[in-house]
C-alpha atoms as a PDB file:
ATOM      1  CA  UNK A   1      20.131-144.314 -65.205  1.00  0.00           C
ATOM      2  CA  UNK A   2      17.392-143.129 -67.566  1.00  0.00           C
ATOM      3  CA  UNK A   3      16.985-139.748 -69.205  1.00  0.00           C
ATOM      4  CA  UNK A   4      13.413-138.443 -69.033  1.00  0.00           C
ATOM      5  CA  UNK A   5      12.519-135.780 -71.626  1.00  0.00           C
ATOM      6  CA  UNK A   6      10.204-133.087 -70.282  1.00  0.00           C
ATOM      7  CA  UNK A   7       7.393-131.034 -71.697  1.00  0.00           C
ATOM      8  CA  UNK A   8       5.764-128.058 -70.006  1.00  0.00           C
ATOM      9  CA  UNK A   9       2.534-126.708 -71.429  1.00  0.00           C
ATOM     10  CA  UNK A  10       0.696-123.429 -70.856  1.00  0.00           C
ATOM     11  CA  UNK A  11      -2.252-122.146 -72.870  1.00  0.00           C
ATOM     12  CA  UNK A  12      -1.984-125.264 -75.013  1.00  0.00           C
ATOM     13  CA  UNK A  13       1.623-124.555 -76.054  1.00  0.00           C
ATOM     14  CA  UNK A  14       5.019-125.996 -75.189  1.00  0.00           C
ATOM     15  CA  UNK A  15       6.890-123.572 -72.963  1.00  0.00           C
ATOM     16  CA  UNK A  16       9.891-123.180 -70.702  1.00  0.00           C
ATOM     17  CA  UNK A  17       9.849-121.040 -67.586  1.00  0.00           C
ATOM     18  CA  UNK A  18      12.620-118.519 -66.968  1.00  0.00           C
ATOM     19  CA  UNK A  19      13.642-118.759 -63.307  1.00  0.00           C
ATOM     20  CA  UNK A  20      10.386-120.562 -62.591  1.00  0.00           C
ATOM     21  CA  UNK A  21       8.264-117.501 -63.451  1.00  0.00           C
ATOM     22  CA  UNK A  22       4.914-118.658 -64.783  1.00  0.00           C
ATOM     23  CA  UNK A  23       4.008-115.176 -66.032  1.00  0.00           C
ATOM     24  CA  UNK A  24       6.908-115.042 -68.515  1.00  0.00           C
ATOM     25  CA  UNK A  25       7.022-118.378 -70.365  1.00  0.00           C
ATOM     26  CA  UNK A  26       9.278-118.935 -73.354  1.00  0.00           C
ATOM     27  CA  UNK A  27       7.087-120.447 -76.073  1.00  0.00           C
ATOM     28  CA  UNK A  28       8.444-123.200 -78.315  1.00  0.00           C
ATOM     29  CA  UNK A  29       6.695-123.475 -81.672  1.00  0.00           C
ATOM     30  CA  UNK A  30       6.215-127.231 -81.709  1.00  0.00           C
ATOM     31  CA  UNK A  31       3.120-129.406 -81.628  1.00  0.00           C
ATOM     32  CA  UNK A  32       2.887-130.918 -78.103  1.00  0.00           C
ATOM     33  CA  UNK A  33       1.360-134.201 -79.282  1.00  0.00           C
ATOM     34  CA  UNK A  34       3.912-134.675 -82.046  1.00  0.00           C
ATOM     35  CA  UNK A  35       6.746-133.729 -79.707  1.00  0.00           C
ATOM     36  CA  UNK A  36       5.682-136.434 -77.257  1.00  0.00           C
ATOM     37  CA  UNK A  37       5.661-138.974 -80.077  1.00  0.00           C
ATOM     38  CA  UNK A  38       9.114-137.757 -81.093  1.00  0.00           C
ATOM     39  CA  UNK A  39      10.408-138.496 -77.587  1.00  0.00           C
ATOM     40  CA  UNK A  40       9.151-142.069 -77.955  1.00  0.00           C
ATOM     41  CA  UNK A  41      10.606-142.424 -81.454  1.00  0.00           C
ATOM     42  CA  UNK A  42      14.023-141.390 -80.111  1.00  0.00           C
ATOM     43  CA  UNK A  43      13.883-144.284 -77.637  1.00  0.00           C
ATOM     44  CA  UNK A  44      12.806-142.601 -74.399  1.00  0.00           C
ATOM     45  CA  UNK A  45      11.194-145.016 -71.949  1.00  0.00           C
ATOM     46  CA  UNK A  46       9.393-142.251 -69.991  1.00  0.00           C
ATOM     47  CA  UNK A  47       8.514-138.593 -70.422  1.00  0.00           C
ATOM     48  CA  UNK A  48       7.376-135.951 -67.947  1.00  0.00           C
ATOM     49  CA  UNK A  49       4.496-133.630 -68.736  1.00  0.00           C
ATOM     50  CA  UNK A  50       3.885-130.557 -66.568  1.00  0.00           C
ATOM     51  CA  UNK A  51       0.656-128.614 -66.874  1.00  0.00           C
ATOM     52  CA  UNK A  52       1.639-125.087 -65.855  1.00  0.00           C
ATOM     53  CA  UNK A  53      -1.922-123.821 -65.948  1.00  0.00           C
ATOM     54  CA  UNK A  54      -3.007-126.595 -63.570  1.00  0.00           C
ATOM     55  CA  UNK A  55      -0.505-125.269 -61.037  1.00  0.00           C
ATOM     56  CA  UNK A  56      -2.554-122.065 -61.101  1.00  0.00           C
ATOM     57  CA  UNK A  57      -5.785-124.017 -60.686  1.00  0.00           C
ATOM     58  CA  UNK A  58      -6.920-124.009 -64.323  1.00  0.00           C
ATOM     59  CA  UNK A  59      -8.202-127.095 -66.173  1.00  0.00           C
ATOM     60  CA  UNK A  60      -7.985-125.569 -69.663  1.00  0.00           C
ATOM     61  CA  UNK A  61      -5.294-128.018 -70.818  1.00  0.00           C
ATOM     62  CA  UNK A  62      -7.109-131.149 -69.643  1.00  0.00           C
ATOM     63  CA  UNK A  63      -8.081-132.391 -73.121  1.00  0.00           C
ATOM     64  CA  UNK A  64      -4.587-131.772 -74.476  1.00  0.00           C
ATOM     65  CA  UNK A  65      -2.983-133.495 -71.479  1.00  0.00           C
ATOM     66  CA  UNK A  66      -5.212-136.519 -72.020  1.00  0.00           C
ATOM     67  CA  UNK A  67      -4.390-136.628 -75.735  1.00  0.00           C
ATOM     68  CA  UNK A  68      -0.649-136.461 -75.069  1.00  0.00           C
ATOM     69  CA  UNK A  69      -0.813-139.221 -72.478  1.00  0.00           C
ATOM     70  CA  UNK A  70      -2.862-141.524 -74.683  1.00  0.00           C
ATOM     71  CA  UNK A  71      -0.906-140.977 -77.896  1.00  0.00           C
ATOM     72  CA  UNK A  72       2.692-140.588 -76.695  1.00  0.00           C
ATOM     73  CA  UNK A  73       3.522-144.277 -76.954  1.00  0.00           C
ATOM     74  CA  UNK A  74       5.499-144.227 -73.691  1.00  0.00           C
ATOM     75  CA  UNK A  75       4.482-143.859 -70.028  1.00  0.00           C
ATOM     76  CA  UNK A  76       3.920-140.282 -68.884  1.00  0.00           C
ATOM     77  CA  UNK A  77       4.901-138.848 -65.525  1.00  0.00           C
ATOM     78  CA  UNK A  78       2.320-136.112 -64.989  1.00  0.00           C
ATOM     79  CA  UNK A  79       2.925-132.996 -62.881  1.00  0.00           C
ATOM     80  CA  UNK A  80       1.030-129.826 -62.127  1.00  0.00           C
ATOM     81  CA  UNK A  81      -1.468-128.828 -59.482  1.00  0.00           C
ATOM     82  CA  UNK A  82      -2.205-132.137 -57.768  1.00  0.00           C
ATOM     83  CA  UNK A  83      -3.539-130.990 -54.404  1.00  0.00           C
ATOM     84  CA  UNK A  84      -5.808-133.871 -53.306  1.00  0.00           C
ATOM     85  CA  UNK A  85      -6.129-137.644 -53.376  1.00  0.00           C
ATOM     86  CA  UNK A  86      -9.053-137.362 -55.789  1.00  0.00           C
ATOM     87  CA  UNK A  87      -7.006-135.291 -58.245  1.00  0.00           C
ATOM     88  CA  UNK A  88      -4.233-137.879 -58.103  1.00  0.00           C
ATOM     89  CA  UNK A  89      -6.755-140.615 -58.807  1.00  0.00           C
ATOM     90  CA  UNK A  90      -8.149-138.675 -61.776  1.00  0.00           C
ATOM     91  CA  UNK A  91      -4.661-138.215 -63.216  1.00  0.00           C
ATOM     92  CA  UNK A  92      -4.016-141.941 -63.091  1.00  0.00           C
ATOM     93  CA  UNK A  93      -7.442-142.721 -64.528  1.00  0.00           C
ATOM     94  CA  UNK A  94      -6.735-140.729 -67.708  1.00  0.00           C
ATOM     95  CA  UNK A  95      -3.653-142.864 -68.230  1.00  0.00           C
ATOM     96  CA  UNK A  96      -0.690-141.231 -66.483  1.00  0.00           C
ATOM     97  CA  UNK A  97       1.892-143.773 -65.378  1.00  0.00           C
ATOM     98  CA  UNK A  98       2.991-141.638 -62.434  1.00  0.00           C
ATOM     99  CA  UNK A  99       1.806-138.504 -60.675  1.00  0.00           C
ATOM    100  CA  UNK A 100       4.245-135.865 -59.421  1.00  0.00           C
ATOM    101  CA  UNK A 101       3.271-134.010 -56.248  1.00  0.00           C
ATOM    102  CA  UNK A 102       5.085-131.201 -54.485  1.00  0.00           C
ATOM    103  CA  UNK A 103       3.056-128.753 -52.444  1.00  0.00           C
ATOM    104  CA  UNK A 104       0.793-131.352 -50.802  1.00  0.00           C
ATOM    105  CA  UNK A 105       3.825-133.385 -49.758  1.00  0.00           C
ATOM    106  CA  UNK A 106       4.800-130.399 -47.607  1.00  0.00           C
ATOM    107  CA  UNK A 107       1.401-129.132 -46.485  1.00  0.00           C
ATOM    108  CA  UNK A 108      -0.571-132.382 -46.144  1.00  0.00           C
ATOM    109  CA  UNK A 109       1.930-135.253 -46.103  1.00  0.00           C
ATOM    110  CA  UNK A 110      -0.714-137.703 -44.847  1.00  0.00           C
ATOM    111  CA  UNK A 111      -2.526-137.330 -48.200  1.00  0.00           C
ATOM    112  CA  UNK A 112       0.614-138.296 -50.099  1.00  0.00           C
ATOM    113  CA  UNK A 113       1.302-141.220 -47.776  1.00  0.00           C
ATOM    114  CA  UNK A 114      -2.240-142.449 -48.433  1.00  0.00           C
ATOM    115  CA  UNK A 115      -1.775-142.011 -52.184  1.00  0.00           C
ATOM    116  CA  UNK A 116       1.470-143.972 -52.106  1.00  0.00           C
ATOM    117  CA  UNK A 117      -0.252-146.841 -50.309  1.00  0.00           C
ATOM    118  CA  UNK A 118      -3.177-146.842 -52.730  1.00  0.00           C
ATOM    119  CA  UNK A 119      -0.977-146.440 -55.811  1.00  0.00           C
ATOM    120  CA  UNK A 120       2.435-147.950 -54.968  1.00  0.00           C
ATOM    121  CA  UNK A 121       5.291-147.024 -57.307  1.00  0.00           C
ATOM    122  CA  UNK A 122       3.118-144.419 -59.047  1.00  0.00           C
ATOM    123  CA  UNK A 123       3.737-141.364 -56.891  1.00  0.00           C
ATOM    124  CA  UNK A 124       6.768-139.083 -57.326  1.00  0.00           C
ATOM    125  CA  UNK A 125       7.548-136.342 -54.823  1.00  0.00           C
ATOM    126  CA  UNK A 126       9.109-133.168 -56.216  1.00  0.00           C
ATOM    127  CA  UNK A 127      11.561-131.627 -53.762  1.00  0.00           C
ATOM    128  CA  UNK A 128      12.364-128.101 -54.963  1.00  0.00           C
ATOM    129  CA  UNK A 129      15.052-126.520 -52.804  1.00  0.00           C
ATOM    130  CA  UNK A 130      15.787-122.805 -52.462  1.00  0.00           C
ATOM    131  CA  UNK A 131      18.327-121.509 -49.933  1.00  0.00           C
ATOM    132  CA  UNK A 132      18.152-124.781 -48.021  1.00  0.00           C
ATOM    133  CA  UNK A 133      14.362-125.018 -47.722  1.00  0.00           C
ATOM    134  CA  UNK A 134      11.654-126.712 -49.768  1.00  0.00           C
ATOM    135  CA  UNK A 135       9.552-124.414 -51.949  1.00  0.00           C
ATOM    136  CA  UNK A 136       5.836-124.884 -52.655  1.00  0.00           C
ATOM    137  CA  UNK A 137       3.222-123.607 -55.113  1.00  0.00           C
ATOM    138  CA  UNK A 138       5.477-123.806 -58.147  1.00  0.00           C
ATOM    139  CA  UNK A 139       8.644-122.332 -56.582  1.00  0.00           C
ATOM    140  CA  UNK A 140       6.649-119.317 -55.371  1.00  0.00           C
ATOM    141  CA  UNK A 141       6.321-119.884 -51.632  1.00  0.00           C
ATOM    142  CA  UNK A 142       9.058-120.950 -49.208  1.00  0.00           C
ATOM    143  CA  UNK A 143       8.309-123.437 -46.470  1.00  0.00           C
ATOM    144  CA  UNK A 144      10.074-124.078 -43.173  1.00  0.00           C
ATOM    145  CA  UNK A 145      10.774-127.664 -44.258  1.00  0.00           C
ATOM    146  CA  UNK A 146      14.293-128.863 -45.030  1.00  0.00           C
ATOM    147  CA  UNK A 147      14.688-131.416 -47.840  1.00  0.00           C
ATOM    148  CA  UNK A 148      16.260-133.864 -45.392  1.00  0.00           C
ATOM    149  CA  UNK A 149      13.178-133.668 -43.190  1.00  0.00           C
ATOM    150  CA  UNK A 150      10.831-134.188 -46.122  1.00  0.00           C
ATOM    151  CA  UNK A 151      12.669-137.310 -47.244  1.00  0.00           C
ATOM    152  CA  UNK A 152      12.554-138.670 -43.710  1.00  0.00           C
ATOM    153  CA  UNK A 153       8.785-138.041 -43.627  1.00  0.00           C
ATOM    154  CA  UNK A 154       8.288-140.471 -46.526  1.00  0.00           C
ATOM    155  CA  UNK A 155      11.017-142.978 -45.770  1.00  0.00           C
ATOM    156  CA  UNK A 156       8.550-145.866 -45.421  1.00  0.00           C
ATOM    157  CA  UNK A 157       6.207-144.882 -48.259  1.00  0.00           C
ATOM    158  CA  UNK A 158       6.282-146.953 -51.493  1.00  0.00           C
ATOM    159  CA  UNK A 159       7.094-144.010 -53.759  1.00  0.00           C
ATOM    160  CA  UNK A 160       8.165-144.427 -57.367  1.00  0.00           C
ATOM    161  CA  UNK A 161      10.856-141.761 -57.048  1.00  0.00           C
ATOM    162  CA  UNK A 162      11.848-138.431 -55.544  1.00  0.00           C
ATOM    163  CA  UNK A 163      12.617-135.624 -57.991  1.00  0.00           C
ATOM    164  CA  UNK A 164      15.170-133.118 -56.691  1.00  0.00           C
ATOM    165  CA  UNK A 165      15.673-129.583 -58.000  1.00  0.00           C
ATOM    166  CA  UNK A 166      18.300-127.286 -56.529  1.00  0.00           C
ATOM    167  CA  UNK A 167      16.696-123.986 -57.543  1.00  0.00           C
ATOM    168  CA  UNK A 168      19.781-121.956 -56.585  1.00  0.00           C
ATOM    169  CA  UNK A 169      21.912-124.058 -58.900  1.00  0.00           C
ATOM    170  CA  UNK A 170      19.237-124.241 -61.582  1.00  0.00           C
ATOM    171  CA  UNK A 171      19.345-120.473 -61.882  1.00  0.00           C
ATOM    172  CA  UNK A 172      23.035-119.677 -61.460  1.00  0.00           C
ATOM    173  CA  UNK A 173      25.183-122.794 -61.844  1.00  0.00           C
ATOM    174  CA  UNK A 174      24.969-126.554 -61.462  1.00  0.00           C
ATOM    175  CA  UNK A 175      27.793-127.335 -59.063  1.00  0.00           C
ATOM    176  CA  UNK A 176      25.790-127.413 -55.832  1.00  0.00           C
ATOM    177  CA  UNK A 177      23.144-129.728 -57.324  1.00  0.00           C
ATOM    178  CA  UNK A 178      25.532-132.647 -57.303  1.00  0.00           C
ATOM    179  CA  UNK A 179      26.379-132.108 -53.645  1.00  0.00           C
ATOM    180  CA  UNK A 180      22.691-131.897 -52.751  1.00  0.00           C
ATOM    181  CA  UNK A 181      21.928-135.110 -54.619  1.00  0.00           C
ATOM    182  CA  UNK A 182      24.843-136.903 -52.968  1.00  0.00           C
ATOM    183  CA  UNK A 183      23.649-135.790 -49.547  1.00  0.00           C
ATOM    184  CA  UNK A 184      20.011-136.748 -50.063  1.00  0.00           C
ATOM    185  CA  UNK A 185      20.895-140.096 -51.631  1.00  0.00           C
ATOM    186  CA  UNK A 186      22.205-141.209 -48.247  1.00  0.00           C
ATOM    187  CA  UNK A 187      18.822-140.637 -46.587  1.00  0.00           C
ATOM    188  CA  UNK A 188      16.498-142.745 -48.710  1.00  0.00           C
ATOM    189  CA  UNK A 189      16.238-145.983 -50.621  1.00  0.00           C
ATOM    190  CA  UNK A 190      13.737-144.398 -52.984  1.00  0.00           C
ATOM    191  CA  UNK A 191      15.309-143.671 -56.382  1.00  0.00           C
ATOM    192  CA  UNK A 192      16.207-140.034 -57.006  1.00  0.00           C
ATOM    193  CA  UNK A 193      15.541-138.130 -60.209  1.00  0.00           C
ATOM    194  CA  UNK A 194      17.801-135.162 -60.880  1.00  0.00           C
ATOM    195  CA  UNK A 195      16.098-132.054 -62.241  1.00  0.00           C
ATOM    196  CA  UNK A 196      17.650-128.918 -63.684  1.00  0.00           C
ATOM    197  CA  UNK A 197      21.127-130.391 -64.050  1.00  0.00           C
ATOM    198  CA  UNK A 198      21.508-131.538 -67.639  1.00  0.00           C
ATOM    199  CA  UNK A 199      22.628-129.016 -70.228  1.00  0.00           C
ATOM    200  CA  UNK A 200      25.327-131.114 -71.917  1.00  0.00           C
ATOM    201  CA  UNK A 201      26.196-134.796 -72.268  1.00  0.00           C
ATOM    202  CA  UNK A 202      28.981-134.495 -69.710  1.00  0.00           C
ATOM    203  CA  UNK A 203      26.356-133.657 -67.066  1.00  0.00           C
ATOM    204  CA  UNK A 204      24.852-137.127 -67.541  1.00  0.00           C
ATOM    205  CA  UNK A 205      28.226-138.724 -66.898  1.00  0.00           C
ATOM    206  CA  UNK A 206      28.546-136.780 -63.642  1.00  0.00           C
ATOM    207  CA  UNK A 207      25.110-137.844 -62.466  1.00  0.00           C
ATOM    208  CA  UNK A 208      25.830-141.505 -63.152  1.00  0.00           C
ATOM    209  CA  UNK A 209      28.536-141.426 -60.489  1.00  0.00           C
ATOM    210  CA  UNK A 210      26.056-140.576 -57.726  1.00  0.00           C
ATOM    211  CA  UNK A 211      24.516-143.455 -55.819  1.00  0.00           C
ATOM    212  CA  UNK A 212      20.774-143.936 -56.142  1.00  0.00           C
ATOM    213  CA  UNK A 213      20.265-141.334 -58.869  1.00  0.00           C
ATOM    214  CA  UNK A 214      18.264-143.432 -61.299  1.00  0.00           C
ATOM    215  CA  UNK A 215      16.871-140.751 -63.575  1.00  0.00           C
ATOM    216  CA  UNK A 216      17.405-137.245 -64.894  1.00  0.00           C
ATOM    217  CA  UNK A 217      14.931-134.787 -66.365  1.00  0.00           C
ATOM    218  CA  UNK A 218      15.950-132.812 -69.428  1.00  0.00           C
ATOM    219  CA  UNK A 219      13.775-130.116 -70.955  1.00  0.00           C
ATOM    220  CA  UNK A 220      14.957-126.732 -72.219  1.00  0.00           C
ATOM    221  CA  UNK A 221      18.214-128.185 -73.541  1.00  0.00           C
ATOM    222  CA  UNK A 222      16.195-130.347 -75.933  1.00  0.00           C
ATOM    223  CA  UNK A 223      14.199-127.426 -77.299  1.00  0.00           C
ATOM    224  CA  UNK A 224      17.116-125.047 -77.764  1.00  0.00           C
ATOM    225  CA  UNK A 225      19.085-127.993 -79.182  1.00  0.00           C
ATOM    226  CA  UNK A 226      22.088-127.804 -76.898  1.00  0.00           C
ATOM    227  CA  UNK A 227      21.600-131.525 -76.364  1.00  0.00           C
ATOM    228  CA  UNK A 228      20.358-134.305 -78.629  1.00  0.00           C
ATOM    229  CA  UNK A 229      17.889-136.708 -76.995  1.00  0.00           C
ATOM    230  CA  UNK A 230      19.195-139.814 -78.731  1.00  0.00           C
ATOM    231  CA  UNK A 231      22.762-139.014 -77.648  1.00  0.00           C
ATOM    232  CA  UNK A 232      21.579-138.359 -74.095  1.00  0.00           C
ATOM    233  CA  UNK A 233      19.722-141.670 -73.932  1.00  0.00           C
ATOM    234  CA  UNK A 234      22.824-143.537 -75.102  1.00  0.00           C
ATOM    235  CA  UNK A 235      25.076-141.692 -72.640  1.00  0.00           C
ATOM    236  CA  UNK A 236      22.805-142.740 -69.782  1.00  0.00           C
ATOM    237  CA  UNK A 237      23.143-146.436 -70.594  1.00  0.00           C
ATOM    238  CA  UNK A 238      25.770-148.683 -68.980  1.00  0.00           C
ATOM    239  CA  UNK A 239      28.724-149.210 -71.319  1.00  0.00           C
ATOM    240  CA  UNK A 240      27.771-152.855 -71.859  1.00  0.00           C
ATOM    241  CA  UNK A 241      24.343-151.868 -73.199  1.00  0.00           C
ATOM    242  CA  UNK A 242      25.373-149.084 -75.539  1.00  0.00           C
ATOM    243  CA  UNK A 243      24.904-149.795 -79.245  1.00  0.00           C
ATOM    244  CA  UNK A 244      28.075-150.369 -81.230  1.00  0.00           C
ATOM    245  CA  UNK A 245      28.472-147.728 -83.894  1.00  0.00           C
ATOM    246  CA  UNK A 246      30.079-148.483 -87.207  1.00  0.00           C
ATOM    247  CA  UNK A 247      32.878-146.019 -86.529  1.00  0.00           C
ATOM    248  CA  UNK A 248      33.527-147.657 -83.129  1.00  0.00           C
ATOM    249  CA  UNK A 249      33.853-151.099 -84.635  1.00  0.00           C
ATOM    250  CA  UNK A 250      36.425-150.082 -87.247  1.00  0.00           C
END
């Protein structure tokens, strides 16, 4: 399993969203470009970058997004406002390693199937679940689609991964997220990425026990320093691949 550090940007700044509310971001006073380089220096093999303003239809962060992607030193999984095949193509052309889509997977699944065929292993579907249904438009609008149905819709598509967020658990507690991941892992061969689960190192250990969960996103916990990225990356490794520390060898 790999740990994927996350960065969300709005108005050119690193932010976190409280309960998914885009109108009340928590601003972190860090340089986005330097923070991306820091992720790479810690040993991360991927990072996720979400352009919050792009979700609202704005392109004001485009230059910053491009700079982060081209200077990070690691592949970037780019999310935020991808609503057409052309937008997906543009995201890949500026250097993103993967594109994360959510709303169009629900509303126009044929577009995402086409994108997956054109760009195999470069498309990630974000499945954001609230009260048993998939949400769209940045957690703001409920759909009539169940997560199980959405996974079935793309069973034959060559996706890179499926990112799963249990919004109920993300807000209140994390217990139900594990059950949701276990359930969905039985329905697809596509690797799952857990989102909104990791607050402490022990959460990584729990995720590693679930079949087909091959990645986990971690964001706010890195900025408020309740988790150290280097420790998280080591915890995600198989025991045989973990570095031997001096204290361990004595």
